[in-house]
Amino acid sequence: MKRLCLLRHAKSDWSDPARDDFHRPLNERGAKAADFMASYVASCPYRPDTVICSTATRAQDTCAPMMKELGDDVPVIYREELYHAMPDQMLAEIHRAPDSADTLLVIGHNPGLVLLAMALAVDPDDEVSLRISRGVPTGGFIVFDFDIDHWADLKEGKGTPVFFGRPRDLMAD
């Protein structure tokens, strides 16, 4: 079995109109959410053993506290291809993941991330899928289980959604 976790980058800073999209950092709220989500993910039952992250600044800013919490034994792979990737591009990057990873965390962007999540679900009408279909906010965390042994075998429509959490809801718990 393989477990795939998807994390949308935290809230980014739009205060500098001259800054290009790729280089936008997190805003203050986003930095707090990234810290919280890092702590949550590192201590939850869905703790990843490998991370793949977009090279966009806001994704790397979301990833940095995560890697502090997860520790040096969890490798992080940065992929420029995840920047504004659509589901087929995201799947290609997941297929490249090392099979030594049992729980893979992908940190990326909408709309590709939510579209991928919807495409992966075996039952688009189950409770978790319906919540995802209403939108994945910045910092949103989604978990799927797949009955596969190799990441290259991961296919759309074969994932069992097991968790969807939004920072606002998780912080309130």
N, C-alpha and C. Protein backbone atom coordinates (compact mmCIF):
# COMPACT_ATOMS: atom_id res chain seq x y z
N MET A 1 0.84 -1.19 0.00
CA MET A 1 0.00 0.00 0.00
C MET A 1 0.88 1.25 0.00
N LYS A 2 0.44 2.26 -0.71
CA LYS A 2 1.10 3.57 -0.72
C LYS A 2 0.08 4.61 -0.26
N ARG A 3 0.60 5.61 0.44
CA ARG A 3 -0.24 6.71 0.92
C ARG A 3 0.28 8.01 0.29
N LEU A 4 -0.63 8.76 -0.32
CA LEU A 4 -0.29 10.03 -0.96
C LEU A 4 -0.95 11.17 -0.19
N CYS A 5 -0.14 12.13 0.23
CA CYS A 5 -0.63 13.33 0.90
C CYS A 5 -0.40 14.52 -0.03
N LEU A 6 -1.40 15.35 -0.15
CA LEU A 6 -1.31 16.57 -0.96
C LEU A 6 -1.49 17.76 -0.03
N LEU A 7 -0.59 18.72 -0.15
CA LEU A 7 -0.67 19.94 0.67
C LEU A 7 -0.59 21.15 -0.24
N ARG A 8 -1.63 21.97 -0.21
CA ARG A 8 -1.58 23.23 -0.95
C ARG A 8 -0.72 24.20 -0.15
N HIS A 9 0.15 24.92 -0.83
CA HIS A 9 1.00 25.91 -0.14
C HIS A 9 0.15 26.84 0.71
N ALA A 10 0.76 27.41 1.72
CA ALA A 10 0.06 28.34 2.62
C ALA A 10 -0.16 29.69 1.92
N LYS A 11 -0.91 30.55 2.58
CA LYS A 11 -1.32 31.86 2.03
C LYS A 11 -0.11 32.72 1.66
N SER A 12 -0.13 33.22 0.44
CA SER A 12 1.02 34.01 -0.05
C SER A 12 0.78 35.51 0.04
N ASP A 13 1.85 36.23 -0.10
CA ASP A 13 1.87 37.70 0.03
C ASP A 13 1.68 38.35 -1.33
N TRP A 14 0.66 39.18 -1.43
CA TRP A 14 0.37 39.91 -2.67
C TRP A 14 0.69 41.40 -2.53
N SER A 15 1.43 41.80 -1.49
CA SER A 15 1.62 43.23 -1.21
C SER A 15 2.54 43.94 -2.20
N ASP A 16 3.38 43.21 -2.90
CA ASP A 16 4.31 43.83 -3.85
C ASP A 16 3.89 43.49 -5.28
N PRO A 17 3.20 44.41 -5.96
CA PRO A 17 2.72 44.11 -7.31
C PRO A 17 3.85 43.92 -8.32
N ALA A 18 5.04 44.37 -7.99
CA ALA A 18 6.17 44.20 -8.91
C ALA A 18 6.78 42.80 -8.83
N ARG A 19 6.48 42.07 -7.77
CA ARG A 19 7.06 40.73 -7.59
C ARG A 19 6.33 39.75 -8.50
N ASP A 20 7.08 38.96 -9.23
CA ASP A 20 6.45 37.97 -10.10
C ASP A 20 5.85 36.83 -9.26
N ASP A 21 4.90 36.13 -9.84
CA ASP A 21 4.14 35.10 -9.14
C ASP A 21 5.03 34.02 -8.55
N PHE A 22 6.01 33.57 -9.29
CA PHE A 22 6.88 32.47 -8.84
C PHE A 22 7.60 32.81 -7.54
N HIS A 23 7.96 34.07 -7.35
CA HIS A 23 8.79 34.48 -6.21
C HIS A 23 7.99 35.06 -5.03
N ARG A 24 6.67 34.95 -5.06
CA ARG A 24 5.88 35.47 -3.94
C ARG A 24 6.11 34.62 -2.69
N PRO A 25 6.45 35.25 -1.56
CA PRO A 25 6.63 34.51 -0.30
C PRO A 25 5.28 34.34 0.40
N LEU A 26 5.31 33.73 1.56
CA LEU A 26 4.11 33.63 2.39
C LEU A 26 3.86 34.96 3.08
N ASN A 27 2.60 35.27 3.34
CA ASN A 27 2.30 36.42 4.19
C ASN A 27 2.33 35.95 5.65
N GLU A 28 2.05 36.86 6.58
CA GLU A 28 2.15 36.52 8.00
C GLU A 28 1.20 35.38 8.38
N ARG A 29 -0.03 35.47 7.90
CA ARG A 29 -1.00 34.40 8.18
C ARG A 29 -0.54 33.07 7.58
N GLY A 30 0.02 33.13 6.37
CA GLY A 30 0.51 31.93 5.72
C GLY A 30 1.67 31.30 6.48
N ALA A 31 2.57 32.13 6.99
CA ALA A 31 3.71 31.61 7.76
C ALA A 31 3.22 30.91 9.03
N LYS A 32 2.22 31.49 9.69
CA LYS A 32 1.66 30.85 10.90
C LYS A 32 1.00 29.52 10.54
N ALA A 33 0.25 29.52 9.44
CA ALA A 33 -0.42 28.29 9.01
C ALA A 33 0.60 27.23 8.62
N ALA A 34 1.68 27.64 7.94
CA ALA A 34 2.72 26.68 7.55
C ALA A 34 3.37 26.06 8.77
N ASP A 35 3.64 26.87 9.79
CA ASP A 35 4.21 26.34 11.04
C ASP A 35 3.24 25.35 11.69
N PHE A 36 1.97 25.73 11.75
CA PHE A 36 0.98 24.85 12.37
C PHE A 36 0.84 23.55 11.60
N MET A 37 0.71 23.65 10.27
CA MET A 37 0.53 22.45 9.46
C MET A 37 1.75 21.54 9.54
N ALA A 38 2.94 22.12 9.64
CA ALA A 38 4.15 21.31 9.79
C ALA A 38 4.09 20.49 11.06
N SER A 39 3.72 21.13 12.15
CA SER A 39 3.59 20.43 13.43
C SER A 39 2.51 19.36 13.36
N TYR A 40 1.38 19.71 12.75
CA TYR A 40 0.27 18.77 12.63
C TYR A 40 0.67 17.54 11.81
N VAL A 41 1.21 17.78 10.62
CA VAL A 41 1.55 16.67 9.72
C VAL A 41 2.63 15.78 10.33
N ALA A 42 3.60 16.38 11.00
CA ALA A 42 4.69 15.59 11.60
C ALA A 42 4.20 14.69 12.73
N SER A 43 3.09 15.05 13.36
CA SER A 43 2.62 14.27 14.50
C SER A 43 1.34 13.47 14.22
N CYS A 44 0.81 13.57 13.01
CA CYS A 44 -0.44 12.88 12.69
C CYS A 44 -0.16 11.47 12.15
N PRO A 45 -1.19 10.65 12.00
CA PRO A 45 -0.99 9.29 11.47
C PRO A 45 -0.56 9.26 10.00
N TYR A 46 -0.57 10.41 9.33
CA TYR A 46 -0.24 10.47 7.91
C TYR A 46 1.15 11.06 7.67
N ARG A 47 2.03 10.94 8.63
CA ARG A 47 3.38 11.51 8.56
C ARG A 47 4.12 10.98 7.32
N PRO A 48 4.60 11.88 6.47
CA PRO A 48 5.29 11.42 5.25
C PRO A 48 6.72 10.97 5.53
N ASP A 49 7.20 10.07 4.66
CA ASP A 49 8.61 9.68 4.73
C ASP A 49 9.41 10.23 3.56
N THR A 50 8.73 10.90 2.63
CA THR A 50 9.38 11.59 1.51
C THR A 50 8.49 12.77 1.11
N VAL A 51 9.13 13.88 0.71
CA VAL A 51 8.40 15.08 0.31
C VAL A 51 8.85 15.49 -1.08
N ILE A 52 7.88 15.84 -1.92
CA ILE A 52 8.16 16.46 -3.23
C ILE A 52 7.50 17.83 -3.19
N CYS A 53 8.26 18.87 -3.53
CA CYS A 53 7.78 20.24 -3.38
C CYS A 53 8.05 21.06 -4.64
N SER A 54 7.10 21.89 -4.99
CA SER A 54 7.29 22.88 -6.05
C SER A 54 8.45 23.80 -5.67
N THR A 55 9.12 24.33 -6.67
CA THR A 55 10.23 25.25 -6.43
C THR A 55 9.78 26.70 -6.24
N ALA A 56 8.49 26.98 -6.39
CA ALA A 56 8.00 28.35 -6.16
C ALA A 56 8.28 28.74 -4.71
N THR A 57 8.58 30.01 -4.50
CA THR A 57 8.96 30.50 -3.17
C THR A 57 7.92 30.15 -2.12
N ARG A 58 6.63 30.38 -2.40
CA ARG A 58 5.60 30.12 -1.39
C ARG A 58 5.49 28.64 -1.04
N ALA A 59 5.77 27.77 -2.00
CA ALA A 59 5.76 26.33 -1.71
C ALA A 59 6.97 25.97 -0.85
N GLN A 60 8.14 26.52 -1.19
CA GLN A 60 9.33 26.25 -0.39
C GLN A 60 9.19 26.83 1.02
N ASP A 61 8.54 28.00 1.13
CA ASP A 61 8.30 28.59 2.45
C ASP A 61 7.33 27.73 3.27
N THR A 62 6.43 27.04 2.61
CA THR A 62 5.52 26.11 3.28
C THR A 62 6.27 24.85 3.69
N CYS A 63 7.19 24.44 2.85
CA CYS A 63 7.96 23.21 3.08
C CYS A 63 9.00 23.35 4.19
N ALA A 64 9.60 24.52 4.33
CA ALA A 64 10.72 24.69 5.28
C ALA A 64 10.36 24.30 6.71
N PRO A 65 9.27 24.81 7.29
CA PRO A 65 8.95 24.37 8.65
C PRO A 65 8.57 22.88 8.71
N MET A 66 8.01 22.37 7.62
CA MET A 66 7.68 20.95 7.56
C MET A 66 8.94 20.11 7.71
N MET A 67 9.99 20.50 6.99
CA MET A 67 11.23 19.72 7.03
C MET A 67 11.90 19.82 8.40
N LYS A 68 11.75 20.97 9.07
CA LYS A 68 12.28 21.09 10.44
C LYS A 68 11.58 20.10 11.36
N GLU A 69 10.27 20.00 11.21
CA GLU A 69 9.48 19.09 12.06
C GLU A 69 9.74 17.62 11.71
N LEU A 70 9.88 17.32 10.42
CA LEU A 70 10.05 15.93 10.01
C LEU A 70 11.45 15.41 10.27
N GLY A 71 12.44 16.29 10.21
CA GLY A 71 13.81 15.89 10.50
C GLY A 71 14.61 15.52 9.26
N ASP A 72 15.90 15.33 9.48
CA ASP A 72 16.85 15.09 8.39
C ASP A 72 16.67 13.75 7.69
N ASP A 73 15.98 12.81 8.32
CA ASP A 73 15.83 11.49 7.71
C ASP A 73 14.75 11.46 6.63
N VAL A 74 13.99 12.54 6.48
CA VAL A 74 12.96 12.62 5.45
C VAL A 74 13.50 13.45 4.28
N PRO A 75 13.70 12.81 3.12
CA PRO A 75 14.22 13.56 1.98
C PRO A 75 13.16 14.47 1.36
N VAL A 76 13.62 15.60 0.84
CA VAL A 76 12.75 16.50 0.09
C VAL A 76 13.32 16.64 -1.31
N ILE A 77 12.44 16.53 -2.28
CA ILE A 77 12.81 16.63 -3.69
C ILE A 77 12.07 17.85 -4.25
N TYR A 78 12.82 18.81 -4.76
CA TYR A 78 12.21 20.01 -5.33
C TYR A 78 12.04 19.82 -6.83
N ARG A 79 10.83 20.09 -7.32
CA ARG A 79 10.52 19.91 -8.73
C ARG A 79 9.88 21.18 -9.30
N GLU A 80 10.61 21.82 -10.22
CA GLU A 80 10.07 23.00 -10.89
C GLU A 80 8.79 22.66 -11.65
N GLU A 81 8.68 21.41 -12.09
CA GLU A 81 7.53 20.98 -12.87
C GLU A 81 6.21 21.06 -12.09
N LEU A 82 6.28 21.15 -10.77
CA LEU A 82 5.06 21.24 -9.96
C LEU A 82 4.48 22.65 -9.91
N TYR A 83 5.25 23.64 -10.35
CA TYR A 83 4.76 25.02 -10.35
C TYR A 83 3.63 25.13 -11.37
N HIS A 84 2.43 25.40 -10.89
CA HIS A 84 1.22 25.49 -11.72
C HIS A 84 0.96 24.25 -12.56
N ALA A 85 1.38 23.10 -12.05
CA ALA A 85 1.17 21.84 -12.77
C ALA A 85 -0.30 21.47 -12.77
N MET A 86 -0.73 20.89 -13.86
CA MET A 86 -2.07 20.32 -13.95
C MET A 86 -1.97 18.85 -13.53
N PRO A 87 -3.12 18.17 -13.35
CA PRO A 87 -3.08 16.81 -12.81
C PRO A 87 -2.15 15.84 -13.54
N ASP A 88 -2.12 15.88 -14.86
CA ASP A 88 -1.25 14.94 -15.58
C ASP A 88 0.22 15.20 -15.28
N GLN A 89 0.60 16.46 -15.14
CA GLN A 89 1.99 16.80 -14.79
C GLN A 89 2.30 16.39 -13.35
N MET A 90 1.35 16.58 -12.45
CA MET A 90 1.56 16.18 -11.06
C MET A 90 1.68 14.66 -10.96
N LEU A 91 0.85 13.95 -11.70
CA LEU A 91 0.94 12.48 -11.71
C LEU A 91 2.30 12.02 -12.21
N ALA A 92 2.81 12.67 -13.24
CA ALA A 92 4.13 12.30 -13.76
C ALA A 92 5.21 12.45 -12.69
N GLU A 93 5.13 13.50 -11.88
CA GLU A 93 6.11 13.69 -10.80
C GLU A 93 5.92 12.65 -9.70
N ILE A 94 4.69 12.31 -9.39
CA ILE A 94 4.42 11.27 -8.38
C ILE A 94 4.95 9.93 -8.88
N HIS A 95 4.75 9.64 -10.15
CA HIS A 95 5.24 8.38 -10.72
C HIS A 95 6.76 8.26 -10.60
N ARG A 96 7.45 9.38 -10.55
CA ARG A 96 8.92 9.39 -10.43
C ARG A 96 9.40 9.21 -9.00
N ALA A 97 8.49 9.23 -8.03
CA ALA A 97 8.88 9.13 -6.62
C ALA A 97 9.56 7.79 -6.35
N PRO A 98 10.50 7.77 -5.42
CA PRO A 98 11.17 6.51 -5.10
C PRO A 98 10.20 5.53 -4.44
N ASP A 99 10.25 4.28 -4.84
CA ASP A 99 9.37 3.28 -4.25
C ASP A 99 9.69 3.00 -2.79
N SER A 100 10.84 3.46 -2.33
CA SER A 100 11.17 3.33 -0.91
C SER A 100 10.25 4.19 -0.05
N ALA A 101 9.61 5.18 -0.66
CA ALA A 101 8.65 6.03 0.06
C ALA A 101 7.31 5.31 0.15
N ASP A 102 6.83 5.16 1.37
CA ASP A 102 5.49 4.58 1.56
C ASP A 102 4.43 5.67 1.69
N THR A 103 4.81 6.79 2.31
CA THR A 103 3.91 7.93 2.46
C THR A 103 4.58 9.15 1.85
N LEU A 104 4.03 9.60 0.74
CA LEU A 104 4.60 10.70 -0.04
C LEU A 104 3.77 11.95 0.16
N LEU A 105 4.43 13.06 0.46
CA LEU A 105 3.77 14.36 0.57
C LEU A 105 4.17 15.20 -0.63
N VAL A 106 3.18 15.72 -1.36
CA VAL A 106 3.41 16.62 -2.49
C VAL A 106 2.89 17.99 -2.09
N ILE A 107 3.76 19.00 -2.15
CA ILE A 107 3.38 20.38 -1.83
C ILE A 107 3.29 21.14 -3.15
N GLY A 108 2.08 21.60 -3.48
CA GLY A 108 1.88 22.23 -4.77
C GLY A 108 0.83 23.33 -4.75
N HIS A 109 0.22 23.53 -5.91
CA HIS A 109 -0.62 24.70 -6.17
C HIS A 109 -1.97 24.30 -6.75
N ASN A 110 -2.96 25.16 -6.53
CA ASN A 110 -4.22 25.05 -7.23
C ASN A 110 -4.08 25.77 -8.57
N PRO A 111 -4.85 25.44 -9.57
CA PRO A 111 -5.97 24.52 -9.53
C PRO A 111 -5.58 23.05 -9.68
N GLY A 112 -4.33 22.78 -10.08
CA GLY A 112 -3.91 21.41 -10.34
C GLY A 112 -4.08 20.48 -9.16
N LEU A 113 -3.79 20.97 -7.96
CA LEU A 113 -3.84 20.12 -6.78
C LEU A 113 -5.26 19.63 -6.50
N VAL A 114 -6.24 20.52 -6.52
CA VAL A 114 -7.62 20.10 -6.25
C VAL A 114 -8.16 19.26 -7.40
N LEU A 115 -7.78 19.57 -8.62
CA LEU A 115 -8.21 18.76 -9.77
C LEU A 115 -7.64 17.36 -9.68
N LEU A 116 -6.38 17.25 -9.27
CA LEU A 116 -5.78 15.93 -9.09
C LEU A 116 -6.50 15.17 -7.98
N ALA A 117 -6.76 15.83 -6.87
CA ALA A 117 -7.45 15.18 -5.75
C ALA A 117 -8.80 14.63 -6.20
N MET A 118 -9.54 15.41 -6.96
CA MET A 118 -10.85 14.95 -7.43
C MET A 118 -10.70 13.78 -8.40
N ALA A 119 -9.67 13.81 -9.23
CA ALA A 119 -9.46 12.74 -10.21
C ALA A 119 -9.01 11.44 -9.55
N LEU A 120 -8.31 11.53 -8.43
CA LEU A 120 -7.77 10.33 -7.78
C LEU A 120 -8.83 9.51 -7.06
N ALA A 121 -9.88 10.14 -6.60
CA ALA A 121 -10.86 9.47 -5.75
C ALA A 121 -11.59 8.35 -6.46
N VAL A 122 -11.63 7.20 -5.80
CA VAL A 122 -12.34 6.05 -6.34
C VAL A 122 -13.85 6.31 -6.34
N ASP A 123 -14.32 7.06 -5.35
CA ASP A 123 -15.74 7.40 -5.23
C ASP A 123 -15.87 8.91 -5.03
N PRO A 124 -16.17 9.64 -6.10
CA PRO A 124 -16.25 11.10 -5.98
C PRO A 124 -17.41 11.58 -5.11
N ASP A 125 -18.27 10.66 -4.68
CA ASP A 125 -19.41 11.05 -3.86
C ASP A 125 -19.24 10.70 -2.39
N ASP A 126 -18.06 10.19 -2.00
CA ASP A 126 -17.88 9.91 -0.57
C ASP A 126 -17.68 11.23 0.17
N GLU A 127 -17.77 11.18 1.49
CA GLU A 127 -17.77 12.39 2.31
C GLU A 127 -16.51 13.24 2.10
N VAL A 128 -15.33 12.61 2.11
CA VAL A 128 -14.08 13.37 1.96
C VAL A 128 -14.02 14.01 0.57
N SER A 129 -14.37 13.26 -0.46
CA SER A 129 -14.33 13.80 -1.83
C SER A 129 -15.28 14.98 -1.99
N LEU A 130 -16.45 14.88 -1.40
CA LEU A 130 -17.41 15.99 -1.50
C LEU A 130 -16.87 17.24 -0.82
N ARG A 131 -16.20 17.07 0.31
CA ARG A 131 -15.60 18.23 0.99
C ARG A 131 -14.49 18.84 0.13
N ILE A 132 -13.69 18.00 -0.51
CA ILE A 132 -12.62 18.49 -1.38
C ILE A 132 -13.22 19.26 -2.56
N SER A 133 -14.32 18.76 -3.10
CA SER A 133 -14.93 19.39 -4.28
C SER A 133 -15.44 20.80 -3.99
N ARG A 134 -15.65 21.12 -2.71
CA ARG A 134 -16.09 22.46 -2.33
C ARG A 134 -14.93 23.45 -2.27
N GLY A 135 -13.71 22.95 -2.42
CA GLY A 135 -12.55 23.82 -2.46
C GLY A 135 -11.49 23.44 -1.45
N VAL A 136 -10.26 23.60 -1.86
CA VAL A 136 -9.10 23.33 -1.01
C VAL A 136 -8.42 24.66 -0.75
N PRO A 137 -8.53 25.19 0.46
CA PRO A 137 -7.91 26.49 0.75
C PRO A 137 -6.40 26.36 0.85
N THR A 138 -5.73 27.49 0.89
CA THR A 138 -4.29 27.46 1.12
C THR A 138 -4.04 26.73 2.43
N GLY A 139 -3.02 25.87 2.42
CA GLY A 139 -2.71 25.05 3.59
C GLY A 139 -3.55 23.80 3.71
N GLY A 140 -4.49 23.58 2.77
CA GLY A 140 -5.33 22.38 2.81
C GLY A 140 -4.50 21.11 2.66
N PHE A 141 -4.86 20.07 3.41
CA PHE A 141 -4.11 18.82 3.49
C PHE A 141 -5.05 17.66 3.18
N ILE A 142 -4.70 16.86 2.18
CA ILE A 142 -5.54 15.77 1.70
C ILE A 142 -4.71 14.49 1.72
N VAL A 143 -5.34 13.38 2.11
CA VAL A 143 -4.64 12.10 2.18
C VAL A 143 -5.44 11.03 1.44
N PHE A 144 -4.74 10.26 0.61
CA PHE A 144 -5.32 9.13 -0.13
C PHE A 144 -4.51 7.88 0.14
N ASP A 145 -5.18 6.73 0.18
CA ASP A 145 -4.52 5.44 0.20
C ASP A 145 -4.72 4.76 -1.14
N PHE A 146 -3.67 4.06 -1.60
CA PHE A 146 -3.70 3.34 -2.86
C PHE A 146 -3.21 1.92 -2.63
N ASP A 147 -3.89 0.96 -3.21
CA ASP A 147 -3.49 -0.43 -3.11
C ASP A 147 -2.49 -0.75 -4.22
N ILE A 148 -1.29 -0.18 -4.07
CA ILE A 148 -0.20 -0.35 -5.04
C ILE A 148 1.11 -0.53 -4.29
N ASP A 149 2.11 -1.06 -4.98
CA ASP A 149 3.45 -1.21 -4.41
C ASP A 149 4.45 -0.24 -5.02
N HIS A 150 4.10 0.32 -6.18
CA HIS A 150 5.01 1.20 -6.91
C HIS A 150 4.28 2.49 -7.28
N TRP A 151 4.96 3.62 -7.06
CA TRP A 151 4.34 4.90 -7.38
C TRP A 151 3.98 5.01 -8.86
N ALA A 152 4.72 4.34 -9.71
CA ALA A 152 4.43 4.39 -11.15
C ALA A 152 3.07 3.77 -11.48
N ASP A 153 2.52 2.98 -10.55
CA ASP A 153 1.23 2.33 -10.77
C ASP A 153 0.04 3.16 -10.27
N LEU A 154 0.31 4.33 -9.70
CA LEU A 154 -0.77 5.17 -9.19
C LEU A 154 -1.60 5.70 -10.36
N LYS A 155 -2.91 5.52 -10.26
CA LYS A 155 -3.80 5.93 -11.35
C LYS A 155 -4.99 6.71 -10.82
N GLU A 156 -5.55 7.52 -11.69
CA GLU A 156 -6.77 8.25 -11.35
C GLU A 156 -7.89 7.26 -11.08
N GLY A 157 -8.78 7.64 -10.17
CA GLY A 157 -9.94 6.82 -9.87
C GLY A 157 -9.65 5.60 -9.01
N LYS A 158 -8.44 5.50 -8.46
CA LYS A 158 -8.06 4.32 -7.67
C LYS A 158 -7.73 4.65 -6.23
N GLY A 159 -7.84 5.92 -5.83
CA GLY A 159 -7.45 6.32 -4.48
C GLY A 159 -8.63 6.36 -3.52
N THR A 160 -8.37 5.91 -2.31
CA THR A 160 -9.36 6.01 -1.25
C THR A 160 -9.04 7.24 -0.41
N PRO A 161 -9.88 8.28 -0.48
CA PRO A 161 -9.61 9.47 0.33
C PRO A 161 -9.86 9.15 1.81
N VAL A 162 -8.86 9.44 2.64
CA VAL A 162 -8.98 9.11 4.06
C VAL A 162 -9.01 10.34 4.96
N PHE A 163 -8.59 11.49 4.43
CA PHE A 163 -8.55 12.68 5.28
C PHE A 163 -8.50 13.94 4.43
N PHE A 164 -9.19 14.97 4.89
CA PHE A 164 -9.06 16.31 4.33
C PHE A 164 -9.17 17.29 5.49
N GLY A 165 -8.13 18.08 5.68
CA GLY A 165 -8.14 19.06 6.75
C GLY A 165 -7.75 20.44 6.26
N ARG A 166 -8.43 21.45 6.79
CA ARG A 166 -8.10 22.84 6.50
C ARG A 166 -7.44 23.43 7.74
N PRO A 167 -6.42 24.27 7.56
CA PRO A 167 -5.73 24.83 8.73
C PRO A 167 -6.69 25.45 9.74
N ARG A 168 -7.66 26.21 9.26
CA ARG A 168 -8.60 26.88 10.16
C ARG A 168 -9.33 25.88 11.06
N ASP A 169 -9.76 24.77 10.49
CA ASP A 169 -10.48 23.75 11.26
C ASP A 169 -9.55 23.01 12.21
N LEU A 170 -8.36 22.66 11.72
CA LEU A 170 -7.41 21.91 12.54
C LEU A 170 -6.89 22.75 13.70
N MET A 171 -6.71 24.06 13.48
CA MET A 171 -6.25 24.95 14.54
C MET A 171 -7.31 25.09 15.63
N ALA A 172 -8.57 24.96 15.25
CA ALA A 172 -9.67 25.11 16.22
C ALA A 172 -9.81 23.88 17.11
N ASP A 173 -9.33 22.73 16.63
CA ASP A 173 -9.46 21.48 17.41
C ASP A 173 -8.58 21.46 18.63
